[in-house]
Amino acid sequence: MRVRIDPGRCQGHGRCYDLAPGLFGEDDEGYGHVVGDGVVPPHQEQAARLAVANCPERTIEILQETAT
């Protein structure tokens, strides 16, 4: 699983990095961004889903990876 944020829709509410600080951070202006490459470790999948559910702009997306 991977996560991504659409920077054009983020309004900087900060719920993503409050709820899942290991997956999301904030830039100098308070807008959310994905930490690292966006890969969500299995033990943080619930936190990722919580951040998605609590984003007012629905700017966070979960990308499912398929096995090769």
Protein backbone atom coordinates (compact mmCIF):
# COMPACT_ATOMS: atom_id res chain seq x y z
CA MET A 1 0.00 0.00 0.00
CA ARG A 2 1.13 3.54 -0.76
CA VAL A 3 -0.32 6.93 0.08
CA ARG A 4 -0.15 10.21 -1.75
CA ILE A 5 -1.42 13.74 -1.20
CA ASP A 6 -2.72 15.98 -3.96
CA PRO A 7 -0.90 19.22 -3.10
CA GLY A 8 -3.33 21.27 -5.17
CA ARG A 9 -6.24 20.32 -2.92
CA CYS A 10 -4.54 20.32 0.51
CA GLN A 11 -5.66 23.23 2.69
CA GLY A 12 -3.26 22.59 5.58
CA HIS A 13 -5.65 21.37 8.27
CA GLY A 14 -2.92 19.04 9.54
CA ARG A 15 -5.08 16.09 10.43
CA CYS A 16 -2.94 13.72 8.38
CA TYR A 17 0.27 14.44 10.25
CA ASP A 18 -1.51 14.62 13.59
CA LEU A 19 -3.10 11.19 13.08
CA ALA A 20 -0.24 9.46 11.25
CA PRO A 21 3.02 11.32 11.95
CA GLY A 22 5.12 8.44 10.66
CA LEU A 23 3.49 8.71 7.24
CA PHE A 24 2.83 12.43 6.84
CA GLY A 25 4.64 15.63 7.70
CA GLU A 26 4.12 19.32 7.16
CA ASP A 27 5.98 21.72 4.93
CA ASP A 28 7.11 25.23 5.91
CA GLU A 29 3.61 26.59 5.28
CA GLY A 30 1.75 23.87 7.21
CA TYR A 31 0.56 21.84 4.24
CA GLY A 32 0.70 18.07 4.47
CA HIS A 33 3.11 15.93 2.52
CA VAL A 34 3.98 12.26 2.40
CA VAL A 35 7.10 11.26 4.32
CA GLY A 36 9.54 9.20 2.28
CA ASP A 37 8.32 7.25 -0.73
CA GLY A 38 4.75 6.82 0.52
CA VAL A 39 5.01 3.10 1.24
CA VAL A 40 2.86 2.25 4.26
CA PRO A 41 4.26 -0.46 6.54
CA PRO A 42 1.63 -3.06 7.52
CA HIS A 43 1.55 -1.86 11.13
CA GLN A 44 0.62 1.69 9.95
CA GLU A 45 -2.16 0.80 7.51
CA GLN A 46 -4.88 1.61 10.06
CA ALA A 47 -3.32 5.04 10.72
CA ALA A 48 -3.18 5.71 6.97
CA ARG A 49 -6.86 4.86 6.59
CA LEU A 50 -7.72 7.07 9.57
CA ALA A 51 -5.87 9.99 7.99
CA VAL A 52 -7.70 9.44 4.69
CA ALA A 53 -11.07 9.34 6.45
CA ASN A 54 -10.36 12.54 8.39
CA CYS A 55 -9.05 14.74 5.57
CA PRO A 56 -11.68 17.47 4.97
CA GLU A 57 -10.64 17.95 1.33
CA ARG A 58 -10.28 14.21 0.61
CA THR A 59 -6.83 14.96 -0.76
CA ILE A 60 -5.13 11.80 0.54
CA GLU A 61 -5.29 8.76 -1.68
CA ILE A 62 -4.43 5.16 -0.92
CA LEU A 63 -2.80 3.42 -3.84
CA GLN A 64 -2.98 -0.37 -3.75
CA GLU A 65 0.01 -2.15 -5.14
CA THR A 66 -0.49 -5.37 -7.03
CA ALA A 67 1.79 -8.35 -6.68
CA THR A 68 3.90 -9.17 -9.72
